Amino acid sequence: MWNEVIQRLVQESLSESELSALTHAPQLALSDLCDGVAREVAEGYLQGTYTWEHCDLAMNNLFASAYAVGTFGLPTFAWRVFEAFDEGEYIHTDSAEPDGKPRTKALLLEFLTP
């Protein structure tokens, strides 16, 4: 289920009704939907299922869906995943590791590892 939503989010931002329709579970709360997508993106990236670029685009479009297309906002978990990929979008000149992609991985591991 999540893969279909992620594939669409890689292409474009979606409305609340479009997101709900893609899950085939209209009773699913938007916060749970966003967290489910974010968890799949984060775990898929860490496992090598998805590329960093794929995940970043999906999270950027989920963000746009939540704040530009809709007004439902992102719940805390989805917001943290979005921020982790956002950190990877630029060079960190103040760091020993200027490439942002390893930073994304480290941030994801921080809150996904029990």
PDB file of N, CA and C in Angstrom:
ATOM      1  N   MET A   1       0.821  -1.189   0.000  1.00  0.00           N
ATOM      2  CA  MET A   1       0.000   0.000   0.000  1.00  0.00           C
ATOM      3  C   MET A   1       0.869   1.259   0.000  1.00  0.00           C
ATOM      4  N   TRP A   2       1.884   1.308   0.869  1.00  0.00           N
ATOM      5  CA  TRP A   2       2.699   2.526   0.976  1.00  0.00           C
ATOM      6  C   TRP A   2       3.496   2.793  -0.288  1.00  0.00           C
ATOM      7  N   ASN A   3       3.947   1.746  -0.950  1.00  0.00           N
ATOM      8  CA  ASN A   3       4.750   1.928  -2.145  1.00  0.00           C
ATOM      9  C   ASN A   3       3.988   2.702  -3.219  1.00  0.00           C
ATOM     10  N   GLU A   4       2.707   2.395  -3.376  1.00  0.00           N
ATOM     11  CA  GLU A   4       1.889   3.095  -4.371  1.00  0.00           C
ATOM     12  C   GLU A   4       1.781   4.584  -4.032  1.00  0.00           C
ATOM     13  N   VAL A   5       1.586   4.893  -2.759  1.00  0.00           N
ATOM     14  CA  VAL A   5       1.499   6.293  -2.331  1.00  0.00           C
ATOM     15  C   VAL A   5       2.830   6.988  -2.571  1.00  0.00           C
ATOM     16  N   ILE A   6       3.921   6.334  -2.217  1.00  0.00           N
ATOM     17  CA  ILE A   6       5.255   6.920  -2.393  1.00  0.00           C
ATOM     18  C   ILE A   6       5.538   7.174  -3.865  1.00  0.00           C
ATOM     19  N   GLN A   7       5.200   6.224  -4.725  1.00  0.00           N
ATOM     20  CA  GLN A   7       5.433   6.405  -6.158  1.00  0.00           C
ATOM     21  C   GLN A   7       4.686   7.626  -6.693  1.00  0.00           C
ATOM     22  N   ARG A   8       3.465   7.846  -6.224  1.00  0.00           N
ATOM     23  CA  ARG A   8       2.700   9.031  -6.643  1.00  0.00           C
ATOM     24  C   ARG A   8       3.315  10.297  -6.072  1.00  0.00           C
ATOM     25  N   LEU A   9       3.767  10.238  -4.810  1.00  0.00           N
ATOM     26  CA  LEU A   9       4.366  11.413  -4.189  1.00  0.00           C
ATOM     27  C   LEU A   9       5.694  11.793  -4.841  1.00  0.00           C
ATOM     28  N   VAL A  10       6.363  10.850  -5.440  1.00  0.00           N
ATOM     29  CA  VAL A  10       7.590  11.169  -6.167  1.00  0.00           C
ATOM     30  C   VAL A  10       7.249  12.032  -7.382  1.00  0.00           C
ATOM     31  N   GLN A  11       6.057  11.861  -7.899  1.00  0.00           N
ATOM     32  CA  GLN A  11       5.633  12.590  -9.100  1.00  0.00           C
ATOM     33  C   GLN A  11       4.996  13.943  -8.802  1.00  0.00           C
ATOM     34  N   GLU A  12       4.252  14.035  -7.678  1.00  0.00           N
ATOM     35  CA  GLU A  12       3.485  15.254  -7.428  1.00  0.00           C
ATOM     36  C   GLU A  12       2.967  15.304  -5.999  1.00  0.00           C
ATOM     37  N   SER A  13       2.541  16.507  -5.606  1.00  0.00           N
ATOM     38  CA  SER A  13       1.835  16.685  -4.337  1.00  0.00           C
ATOM     39  C   SER A  13       0.413  16.189  -4.538  1.00  0.00           C
ATOM     40  N   LEU A  14      -0.207  15.707  -3.469  1.00  0.00           N
ATOM     41  CA  LEU A  14      -1.545  15.133  -3.570  1.00  0.00           C
ATOM     42  C   LEU A  14      -2.500  15.774  -2.580  1.00  0.00           C
ATOM     43  N   SER A  15      -3.760  15.805  -2.936  1.00  0.00           N
ATOM     44  CA  SER A  15      -4.782  16.310  -2.027  1.00  0.00           C
ATOM     45  C   SER A  15      -5.096  15.240  -0.980  1.00  0.00           C
ATOM     46  N   GLU A  16      -5.814  15.654   0.045  1.00  0.00           N
ATOM     47  CA  GLU A  16      -6.214  14.720   1.095  1.00  0.00           C
ATOM     48  C   GLU A  16      -7.002  13.552   0.513  1.00  0.00           C
ATOM     49  N   SER A  17      -7.932  13.843  -0.380  1.00  0.00           N
ATOM     50  CA  SER A  17      -8.756  12.771  -0.951  1.00  0.00           C
ATOM     51  C   SER A  17      -7.924  11.844  -1.833  1.00  0.00           C
ATOM     52  N   GLU A  18      -6.962  12.399  -2.568  1.00  0.00           N
ATOM     53  CA  GLU A  18      -6.086  11.553  -3.394  1.00  0.00           C
ATOM     54  C   GLU A  18      -5.227  10.648  -2.523  1.00  0.00           C
ATOM     55  N   LEU A  19      -4.699  11.180  -1.439  1.00  0.00           N
ATOM     56  CA  LEU A  19      -3.901  10.359  -0.520  1.00  0.00           C
ATOM     57  C   LEU A  19      -4.743   9.240   0.066  1.00  0.00           C
ATOM     58  N   SER A  20      -5.931   9.581   0.525  1.00  0.00           N
ATOM     59  CA  SER A  20      -6.816   8.572   1.112  1.00  0.00           C
ATOM     60  C   SER A  20      -7.197   7.500   0.104  1.00  0.00           C
ATOM     61  N   ALA A  21      -7.485   7.909  -1.117  1.00  0.00           N
ATOM     62  CA  ALA A  21      -7.873   6.945  -2.150  1.00  0.00           C
ATOM     63  C   ALA A  21      -6.734   5.972  -2.457  1.00  0.00           C
ATOM     64  N   LEU A  22      -5.507   6.454  -2.432  1.00  0.00           N
ATOM     65  CA  LEU A  22      -4.370   5.589  -2.735  1.00  0.00           C
ATOM     66  C   LEU A  22      -4.120   4.529  -1.663  1.00  0.00           C
ATOM     67  N   THR A  23      -4.507   4.811  -0.438  1.00  0.00           N
ATOM     68  CA  THR A  23      -4.284   3.830   0.629  1.00  0.00           C
ATOM     69  C   THR A  23      -5.332   2.729   0.610  1.00  0.00           C
ATOM     70  N   HIS A  24      -6.422   2.952  -0.114  1.00  0.00           N
ATOM     71  CA  HIS A  24      -7.542   2.006  -0.145  1.00  0.00           C
ATOM     72  C   HIS A  24      -8.102   1.802   1.269  1.00  0.00           C
ATOM     73  N   ALA A  25      -7.866   2.792   2.136  1.00  0.00           N
ATOM     74  CA  ALA A  25      -8.369   2.746   3.503  1.00  0.00           C
ATOM     75  C   ALA A  25      -8.866   4.146   3.875  1.00  0.00           C
ATOM     76  N   PRO A  26     -10.037   4.534   3.376  1.00  0.00           N
ATOM     77  CA  PRO A  26     -10.518   5.898   3.604  1.00  0.00           C
ATOM     78  C   PRO A  26     -10.706   6.248   5.079  1.00  0.00           C
ATOM     79  N   GLN A  27     -10.833   5.240   5.935  1.00  0.00           N
ATOM     80  CA  GLN A  27     -11.006   5.505   7.362  1.00  0.00           C
ATOM     81  C   GLN A  27      -9.682   5.806   8.067  1.00  0.00           C
ATOM     82  N   LEU A  28      -8.569   5.641   7.356  1.00  0.00           N
ATOM     83  CA  LEU A  28      -7.252   5.900   7.934  1.00  0.00           C
ATOM     84  C   LEU A  28      -7.065   7.399   8.147  1.00  0.00           C
ATOM     85  N   ALA A  29      -6.744   7.785   9.373  1.00  0.00           N
ATOM     86  CA  ALA A  29      -6.522   9.208   9.675  1.00  0.00           C
ATOM     87  C   ALA A  29      -5.330   9.720   8.873  1.00  0.00           C
ATOM     88  N   LEU A  30      -5.397  10.981   8.448  1.00  0.00           N
ATOM     89  CA  LEU A  30      -4.306  11.561   7.665  1.00  0.00           C
ATOM     90  C   LEU A  30      -2.985  11.536   8.425  1.00  0.00           C
ATOM     91  N   SER A  31      -3.026  11.707   9.732  1.00  0.00           N
ATOM     92  CA  SER A  31      -1.787  11.651  10.513  1.00  0.00           C
ATOM     93  C   SER A  31      -1.173  10.256  10.444  1.00  0.00           C
ATOM     94  N   ASP A  32      -1.984   9.220  10.510  1.00  0.00           N
ATOM     95  CA  ASP A  32      -1.487   7.846  10.401  1.00  0.00           C
ATOM     96  C   ASP A  32      -0.968   7.573   8.993  1.00  0.00           C
ATOM     97  N   LEU A  33      -1.660   8.116   7.998  1.00  0.00           N
ATOM     98  CA  LEU A  33      -1.214   7.959   6.616  1.00  0.00           C
ATOM     99  C   LEU A  33       0.157   8.600   6.426  1.00  0.00           C
ATOM    100  N   CYS A  34       0.309   9.827   6.904  1.00  0.00           N
ATOM    101  CA  CYS A  34       1.596  10.526   6.767  1.00  0.00           C
ATOM    102  C   CYS A  34       2.710   9.780   7.497  1.00  0.00           C
ATOM    103  N   ASP A  35       2.421   9.318   8.695  1.00  0.00           N
ATOM    104  CA  ASP A  35       3.430   8.568   9.450  1.00  0.00           C
ATOM    105  C   ASP A  35       3.770   7.244   8.766  1.00  0.00           C
ATOM    106  N   GLY A  36       2.778   6.590   8.182  1.00  0.00           N
ATOM    107  CA  GLY A  36       3.029   5.337   7.469  1.00  0.00           C
ATOM    108  C   GLY A  36       3.919   5.536   6.259  1.00  0.00           C
ATOM    109  N   VAL A  37       3.623   6.578   5.494  1.00  0.00           N
ATOM    110  CA  VAL A  37       4.456   6.905   4.337  1.00  0.00           C
ATOM    111  C   VAL A  37       5.873   7.240   4.795  1.00  0.00           C
ATOM    112  N   ALA A  38       5.977   8.076   5.812  1.00  0.00           N
ATOM    113  CA  ALA A  38       7.294   8.489   6.311  1.00  0.00           C
ATOM    114  C   ALA A  38       8.105   7.299   6.828  1.00  0.00           C
ATOM    115  N   ARG A  39       7.457   6.397   7.530  1.00  0.00           N
ATOM    116  CA  ARG A  39       8.169   5.213   8.044  1.00  0.00           C
ATOM    117  C   ARG A  39       8.667   4.349   6.886  1.00  0.00           C
ATOM    118  N   GLU A  40       7.821   4.145   5.884  1.00  0.00           N
ATOM    119  CA  GLU A  40       8.230   3.350   4.719  1.00  0.00           C
ATOM    120  C   GLU A  40       9.385   4.023   3.988  1.00  0.00           C
ATOM    121  N   VAL A  41       9.328   5.343   3.834  1.00  0.00           N
ATOM    122  CA  VAL A  41      10.398   6.088   3.174  1.00  0.00           C
ATOM    123  C   VAL A  41      11.700   5.922   3.967  1.00  0.00           C
ATOM    124  N   ALA A  42      11.633   6.162   5.268  1.00  0.00           N
ATOM    125  CA  ALA A  42      12.830   6.094   6.113  1.00  0.00           C
ATOM    126  C   ALA A  42      13.439   4.693   6.126  1.00  0.00           C
ATOM    127  N   GLU A  43      12.614   3.705   6.375  1.00  0.00           N
ATOM    128  CA  GLU A  43      13.117   2.331   6.424  1.00  0.00           C
ATOM    129  C   GLU A  43      13.577   1.870   5.045  1.00  0.00           C
ATOM    130  N   GLY A  44      12.844   2.253   4.008  1.00  0.00           N
ATOM    131  CA  GLY A  44      13.235   1.885   2.648  1.00  0.00           C
ATOM    132  C   GLY A  44      14.570   2.485   2.256  1.00  0.00           C
ATOM    133  N   TYR A  45      14.812   3.717   2.679  1.00  0.00           N
ATOM    134  CA  TYR A  45      16.105   4.348   2.390  1.00  0.00           C
ATOM    135  C   TYR A  45      17.229   3.631   3.143  1.00  0.00           C
ATOM    136  N   LEU A  46      17.017   3.382   4.420  1.00  0.00           N
ATOM    137  CA  LEU A  46      18.057   2.729   5.222  1.00  0.00           C
ATOM    138  C   LEU A  46      18.358   1.311   4.738  1.00  0.00           C
ATOM    139  N   GLN A  47      17.360   0.636   4.199  1.00  0.00           N
ATOM    140  CA  GLN A  47      17.546  -0.727   3.699  1.00  0.00           C
ATOM    141  C   GLN A  47      18.021  -0.757   2.252  1.00  0.00           C
ATOM    142  N   GLY A  48      18.080   0.395   1.602  1.00  0.00           N
ATOM    143  CA  GLY A  48      18.529   0.455   0.215  1.00  0.00           C
ATOM    144  C   GLY A  48      17.444   0.165  -0.805  1.00  0.00           C
ATOM    145  N   THR A  49      16.190   0.108  -0.372  1.00  0.00           N
ATOM    146  CA  THR A  49      15.073  -0.118  -1.286  1.00  0.00           C
ATOM    147  C   THR A  49      14.839   1.099  -2.167  1.00  0.00           C
ATOM    148  N   TYR A  50      14.980   2.286  -1.582  1.00  0.00           N
ATOM    149  CA  TYR A  50      14.780   3.543  -2.288  1.00  0.00           C
ATOM    150  C   TYR A  50      16.071   4.359  -2.248  1.00  0.00           C
ATOM    151  N   THR A  51      16.309   5.132  -3.295  1.00  0.00           N
ATOM    152  CA  THR A  51      17.459   6.034  -3.307  1.00  0.00           C
ATOM    153  C   THR A  51      17.160   7.259  -2.441  1.00  0.00           C
ATOM    154  N   TRP A  52      18.208   7.978  -2.093  1.00  0.00           N
ATOM    155  CA  TRP A  52      18.034   9.204  -1.325  1.00  0.00           C
ATOM    156  C   TRP A  52      17.163  10.185  -2.113  1.00  0.00           C
ATOM    157  N   GLU A  53      17.418  10.338  -3.397  1.00  0.00           N
ATOM    158  CA  GLU A  53      16.683  11.276  -4.237  1.00  0.00           C
ATOM    159  C   GLU A  53      15.191  10.934  -4.282  1.00  0.00           C
ATOM    160  N   HIS A  54      14.892   9.662  -4.405  1.00  0.00           N
ATOM    161  CA  HIS A  54      13.510   9.183  -4.438  1.00  0.00           C
ATOM    162  C   HIS A  54      12.797   9.561  -3.133  1.00  0.00           C
ATOM    163  N   CYS A  55      13.462   9.288  -2.025  1.00  0.00           N
ATOM    164  CA  CYS A  55      12.880   9.563  -0.706  1.00  0.00           C
ATOM    165  C   CYS A  55      12.720  11.055  -0.465  1.00  0.00           C
ATOM    166  N   ASP A  56      13.735  11.820  -0.842  1.00  0.00           N
ATOM    167  CA  ASP A  56      13.680  13.267  -0.646  1.00  0.00           C
ATOM    168  C   ASP A  56      12.513  13.862  -1.420  1.00  0.00           C
ATOM    169  N   LEU A  57      12.337  13.440  -2.641  1.00  0.00           N
ATOM    170  CA  LEU A  57      11.236  13.945  -3.462  1.00  0.00           C
ATOM    171  C   LEU A  57       9.886  13.552  -2.861  1.00  0.00           C
ATOM    172  N   ALA A  58       9.763  12.313  -2.424  1.00  0.00           N
ATOM    173  CA  ALA A  58       8.505  11.867  -1.805  1.00  0.00           C
ATOM    174  C   ALA A  58       8.187  12.679  -0.553  1.00  0.00           C
ATOM    175  N   MET A  59       9.194  12.922   0.290  1.00  0.00           N
ATOM    176  CA  MET A  59       8.951  13.678   1.519  1.00  0.00           C
ATOM    177  C   MET A  59       8.674  15.158   1.221  1.00  0.00           C
ATOM    178  N   ASN A  60       9.347  15.723   0.231  1.00  0.00           N
ATOM    179  CA  ASN A  60       9.053  17.109  -0.147  1.00  0.00           C
ATOM    180  C   ASN A  60       7.617  17.247  -0.641  1.00  0.00           C
ATOM    181  N   ASN A  61       7.163  16.288  -1.425  1.00  0.00           N
ATOM    182  CA  ASN A  61       5.791  16.353  -1.940  1.00  0.00           C
ATOM    183  C   ASN A  61       4.761  16.018  -0.864  1.00  0.00           C
ATOM    184  N   LEU A  62       5.130  15.176   0.104  1.00  0.00           N
ATOM    185  CA  LEU A  62       4.228  14.940   1.237  1.00  0.00           C
ATOM    186  C   LEU A  62       4.096  16.235   2.041  1.00  0.00           C
ATOM    187  N   PHE A  63       5.212  16.923   2.244  1.00  0.00           N
ATOM    188  CA  PHE A  63       5.194  18.217   2.931  1.00  0.00           C
ATOM    189  C   PHE A  63       4.292  19.202   2.175  1.00  0.00           C
ATOM    190  N   ALA A  64       4.476  19.292   0.859  1.00  0.00           N
ATOM    191  CA  ALA A  64       3.646  20.192   0.050  1.00  0.00           C
ATOM    192  C   ALA A  64       2.178  19.786   0.112  1.00  0.00           C
ATOM    193  N   SER A  65       1.918  18.493   0.116  1.00  0.00           N
ATOM    194  CA  SER A  65       0.538  18.016   0.229  1.00  0.00           C
ATOM    195  C   SER A  65      -0.090  18.482   1.542  1.00  0.00           C
ATOM    196  N   ALA A  66       0.699  18.459   2.607  1.00  0.00           N
ATOM    197  CA  ALA A  66       0.201  18.791   3.943  1.00  0.00           C
ATOM    198  C   ALA A  66       0.050  20.287   4.184  1.00  0.00           C
ATOM    199  N   TYR A  67       0.873  21.101   3.506  1.00  0.00           N
ATOM    200  CA  TYR A  67       0.872  22.533   3.808  1.00  0.00           C
ATOM    201  C   TYR A  67       0.493  23.440   2.643  1.00  0.00           C
ATOM    202  N   ALA A  68       0.714  23.017   1.421  1.00  0.00           N
ATOM    203  CA  ALA A  68       0.401  23.867   0.269  1.00  0.00           C
ATOM    204  C   ALA A  68      -0.899  23.436  -0.405  1.00  0.00           C
ATOM    205  N   VAL A  69      -1.034  22.135  -0.645  1.00  0.00           N
ATOM    206  CA  VAL A  69      -2.252  21.622  -1.276  1.00  0.00           C
ATOM    207  C   VAL A  69      -3.351  21.503  -0.227  1.00  0.00           C
ATOM    208  N   GLY A  70      -2.996  20.968   0.935  1.00  0.00           N
ATOM    209  CA  GLY A  70      -3.950  20.799   2.029  1.00  0.00           C
ATOM    210  C   GLY A  70      -3.543  21.648   3.218  1.00  0.00           C
ATOM    211  N   THR A  71      -4.262  21.474   4.297  1.00  0.00           N
ATOM    212  CA  THR A  71      -3.953  22.222   5.517  1.00  0.00           C
ATOM    213  C   THR A  71      -3.892  21.292   6.721  1.00  0.00           C
ATOM    214  N   PHE A  72      -3.624  20.013   6.478  1.00  0.00           N
ATOM    215  CA  PHE A  72      -3.660  19.046   7.572  1.00  0.00           C
ATOM    216  C   PHE A  72      -2.355  18.957   8.347  1.00  0.00           C
ATOM    217  N   GLY A  73      -1.241  19.426   7.804  1.00  0.00           N
ATOM    218  CA  GLY A  73       0.039  19.408   8.509  1.00  0.00           C
ATOM    219  C   GLY A  73       0.611  18.013   8.665  1.00  0.00           C
ATOM    220  N   LEU A  74       1.859  17.953   9.050  1.00  0.00           N
ATOM    221  CA  LEU A  74       2.531  16.674   9.268  1.00  0.00           C
ATOM    222  C   LEU A  74       2.600  16.367  10.754  1.00  0.00           C
ATOM    223  N   PRO A  75       2.317  15.122  11.145  1.00  0.00           N
ATOM    224  CA  PRO A  75       2.505  14.742  12.539  1.00  0.00           C
ATOM    225  C   PRO A  75       4.004  14.662  12.865  1.00  0.00           C
ATOM    226  N   THR A  76       4.333  14.551  14.109  1.00  0.00           N
ATOM    227  CA  THR A  76       5.717  14.623  14.575  1.00  0.00           C
ATOM    228  C   THR A  76       6.653  13.647  13.868  1.00  0.00           C
ATOM    229  N   PHE A  77       6.272  12.395  13.761  1.00  0.00           N
ATOM    230  CA  PHE A  77       7.169  11.413  13.143  1.00  0.00           C
ATOM    231  C   PHE A  77       7.448  11.769  11.684  1.00  0.00           C
ATOM    232  N   ALA A  78       6.403  12.056  10.925  1.00  0.00           N
ATOM    233  CA  ALA A  78       6.578  12.408   9.512  1.00  0.00           C
ATOM    234  C   ALA A  78       7.417  13.684   9.380  1.00  0.00           C
ATOM    235  N   TRP A  79       7.210  14.626  10.281  1.00  0.00           N
ATOM    236  CA  TRP A  79       7.991  15.865  10.259  1.00  0.00           C
ATOM    237  C   TRP A  79       9.475  15.563  10.473  1.00  0.00           C
ATOM    238  N   ARG A  80       9.794  14.657  11.385  1.00  0.00           N
ATOM    239  CA  ARG A  80      11.197  14.314  11.645  1.00  0.00           C
ATOM    240  C   ARG A  80      11.846  13.651  10.429  1.00  0.00           C
ATOM    241  N   VAL A  81      11.096  12.798   9.745  1.00  0.00           N
ATOM    242  CA  VAL A  81      11.627  12.175   8.531  1.00  0.00           C
ATOM    243  C   VAL A  81      11.833  13.232   7.458  1.00  0.00           C
ATOM    244  N   PHE A  82      10.867  14.128   7.302  1.00  0.00           N
ATOM    245  CA  PHE A  82      11.019  15.226   6.348  1.00  0.00           C
ATOM    246  C   PHE A  82      12.276  16.034   6.662  1.00  0.00           C
ATOM    247  N   GLU A  83      12.463  16.392   7.916  1.00  0.00           N
ATOM    248  CA  GLU A  83      13.634  17.176   8.319  1.00  0.00           C
ATOM    249  C   GLU A  83      14.945  16.435   8.054  1.00  0.00           C
ATOM    250  N   ALA A  84      14.949  15.126   8.262  1.00  0.00           N
ATOM    251  CA  ALA A  84      16.169  14.338   8.016  1.00  0.00           C
ATOM    252  C   ALA A  84      16.575  14.425   6.546  1.00  0.00           C
ATOM    253  N   PHE A  85      15.612  14.341   5.658  1.00  0.00           N
ATOM    254  CA  PHE A  85      15.932  14.459   4.231  1.00  0.00           C
ATOM    255  C   PHE A  85      16.231  15.906   3.858  1.00  0.00           C
ATOM    256  N   ASP A  86      15.559  16.837   4.501  1.00  0.00           N
ATOM    257  CA  ASP A  86      15.835  18.251   4.261  1.00  0.00           C
ATOM    258  C   ASP A  86      17.287  18.581   4.618  1.00  0.00           C
ATOM    259  N   GLU A  87      17.798  18.007   5.683  1.00  0.00           N
ATOM    260  CA  GLU A  87      19.196  18.210   6.082  1.00  0.00           C
ATOM    261  C   GLU A  87      20.171  17.700   5.023  1.00  0.00           C
ATOM    262  N   GLY A  88      19.757  16.718   4.264  1.00  0.00           N
ATOM    263  CA  GLY A  88      20.618  16.157   3.229  1.00  0.00           C
ATOM    264  C   GLY A  88      20.635  16.953   1.936  1.00  0.00           C
ATOM    265  N   GLU A  89      19.822  17.979   1.852  1.00  0.00           N
ATOM    266  CA  GLU A  89      19.706  18.738   0.607  1.00  0.00           C
ATOM    267  C   GLU A  89      20.816  19.759   0.394  1.00  0.00           C
ATOM    268  N   TYR A  90      21.608  20.009   1.387  1.00  0.00           N
ATOM    269  CA  TYR A  90      22.644  21.015   1.204  1.00  0.00           C
ATOM    270  C   TYR A  90      23.974  20.567   1.796  1.00  0.00           C
ATOM    271  N   ILE A  91      25.027  21.220   1.349  1.00  0.00           N
ATOM    272  CA  ILE A  91      26.383  20.942   1.816  1.00  0.00           C
ATOM    273  C   ILE A  91      26.561  21.604   3.172  1.00  0.00           C
ATOM    274  N   HIS A  92      27.071  20.858   4.109  1.00  0.00           N
ATOM    275  CA  HIS A  92      27.303  21.363   5.464  1.00  0.00           C
ATOM    276  C   HIS A  92      28.777  21.745   5.592  1.00  0.00           C
ATOM    277  N   THR A  93      29.082  23.011   5.315  1.00  0.00           N
ATOM    278  CA  THR A  93      30.479  23.457   5.324  1.00  0.00           C
ATOM    279  C   THR A  93      31.066  23.511   6.732  1.00  0.00           C
ATOM    280  N   ASP A  94      30.222  23.509   7.744  1.00  0.00           N
ATOM    281  CA  ASP A  94      30.692  23.561   9.127  1.00  0.00           C
ATOM    282  C   ASP A  94      30.898  22.179   9.736  1.00  0.00           C
ATOM    283  N   SER A  95      30.897  21.156   8.904  1.00  0.00           N
ATOM    284  CA  SER A  95      30.961  19.778   9.398  1.00  0.00           C
ATOM    285  C   SER A  95      32.138  19.031   8.775  1.00  0.00           C
ATOM    286  N   ALA A  96      32.615  18.028   9.497  1.00  0.00           N
ATOM    287  CA  ALA A  96      33.662  17.162   8.956  1.00  0.00           C
ATOM    288  C   ALA A  96      33.121  16.353   7.777  1.00  0.00           C
ATOM    289  N   GLU A  97      31.810  16.167   7.734  1.00  0.00           N
ATOM    290  CA  GLU A  97      31.143  15.449   6.644  1.00  0.00           C
ATOM    291  C   GLU A  97      30.226  16.441   5.933  1.00  0.00           C
ATOM    292  N   PRO A  98      30.746  17.148   4.905  1.00  0.00           N
ATOM    293  CA  PRO A  98      29.939  18.187   4.260  1.00  0.00           C
ATOM    294  C   PRO A  98      28.758  17.663   3.453  1.00  0.00           C
ATOM    295  N   ASP A  99      28.841  16.436   2.933  1.00  0.00           N
ATOM    296  CA  ASP A  99      27.729  15.869   2.168  1.00  0.00           C
ATOM    297  C   ASP A  99      26.564  15.611   3.113  1.00  0.00           C
ATOM    298  N   GLY A 100      25.388  16.049   2.753  1.00  0.00           N
ATOM    299  CA  GLY A 100      24.224  15.920   3.621  1.00  0.00           C
ATOM    300  C   GLY A 100      23.615  14.536   3.690  1.00  0.00           C
ATOM    301  N   LYS A 101      23.876  13.693   2.710  1.00  0.00           N
ATOM    302  CA  LYS A 101      23.227  12.375   2.691  1.00  0.00           C
ATOM    303  C   LYS A 101      23.601  11.509   3.899  1.00  0.00           C
ATOM    304  N   PRO A 102      24.876  11.460   4.303  1.00  0.00           N
ATOM    305  CA  PRO A 102      25.182  10.699   5.523  1.00  0.00           C
ATOM    306  C   PRO A 102      24.491  11.289   6.759  1.00  0.00           C
ATOM    307  N   ARG A 103      24.275  12.593   6.752  1.00  0.00           N
ATOM    308  CA  ARG A 103      23.568  13.236   7.860  1.00  0.00           C
ATOM    309  C   ARG A 103      22.120  12.755   7.902  1.00  0.00           C
ATOM    310  N   THR A 104      21.494  12.625   6.740  1.00  0.00           N
ATOM    311  CA  THR A 104      20.132  12.100   6.686  1.00  0.00           C
ATOM    312  C   THR A 104      20.090  10.724   7.328  1.00  0.00           C
ATOM    313  N   LYS A 105      21.012   9.867   6.939  1.00  0.00           N
ATOM    314  CA  LYS A 105      21.047   8.504   7.478  1.00  0.00           C
ATOM    315  C   LYS A 105      21.238   8.521   8.989  1.00  0.00           C
ATOM    316  N   ALA A 106      22.160   9.344   9.471  1.00  0.00           N
ATOM    317  CA  ALA A 106      22.417   9.411  10.913  1.00  0.00           C
ATOM    318  C   ALA A 106      21.177   9.893  11.668  1.00  0.00           C
ATOM    319  N   LEU A 107      20.504  10.895  11.141  1.00  0.00           N
ATOM    320  CA  LEU A 107      19.295  11.406  11.788  1.00  0.00           C
ATOM    321  C   LEU A 107      18.187  10.353  11.828  1.00  0.00           C
ATOM    322  N   LEU A 108      18.019   9.637  10.727  1.00  0.00           N
ATOM    323  CA  LEU A 108      17.007   8.588  10.686  1.00  0.00           C
ATOM    324  C   LEU A 108      17.322   7.483  11.697  1.00  0.00           C
ATOM    325  N   LEU A 109      18.570   7.099  11.756  1.00  0.00           N
ATOM    326  CA  LEU A 109      18.973   6.054  12.693  1.00  0.00           C
ATOM    327  C   LEU A 109      18.773   6.479  14.150  1.00  0.00           C
ATOM    328  N   GLU A 110      18.924   7.781  14.415  1.00  0.00           N
ATOM    329  CA  GLU A 110      18.742   8.313  15.762  1.00  0.00           C
ATOM    330  C   GLU A 110      17.356   8.016  16.311  1.00  0.00           C
ATOM    331  N   PHE A 111      16.337   8.187  15.498  1.00  0.00           N
ATOM    332  CA  PHE A 111      14.992   7.995  16.032  1.00  0.00           C
ATOM    333  C   PHE A 111      14.313   6.726  15.558  1.00  0.00           C
ATOM    334  N   LEU A 112      14.944   5.963  14.684  1.00  0.00           N
ATOM    335  CA  LEU A 112      14.356   4.687  14.282  1.00  0.00           C
ATOM    336  C   LEU A 112      14.945   3.504  15.049  1.00  0.00           C
ATOM    337  N   THR A 113      16.129   3.704  15.595  1.00  0.00           N
ATOM    338  CA  THR A 113      16.785   2.631  16.338  1.00  0.00           C
ATOM    339  C   THR A 113      16.263   2.615  17.761  1.00  0.00           C
ATOM    340  N   PRO A 114      15.770   1.468  18.212  1.00  0.00           N
ATOM    341  CA  PRO A 114      15.209   1.388  19.575  1.00  0.00           C
ATOM    342  C   PRO A 114      16.272   1.568  20.649  1.00  0.00           C
TER     343      PRO A 114
END
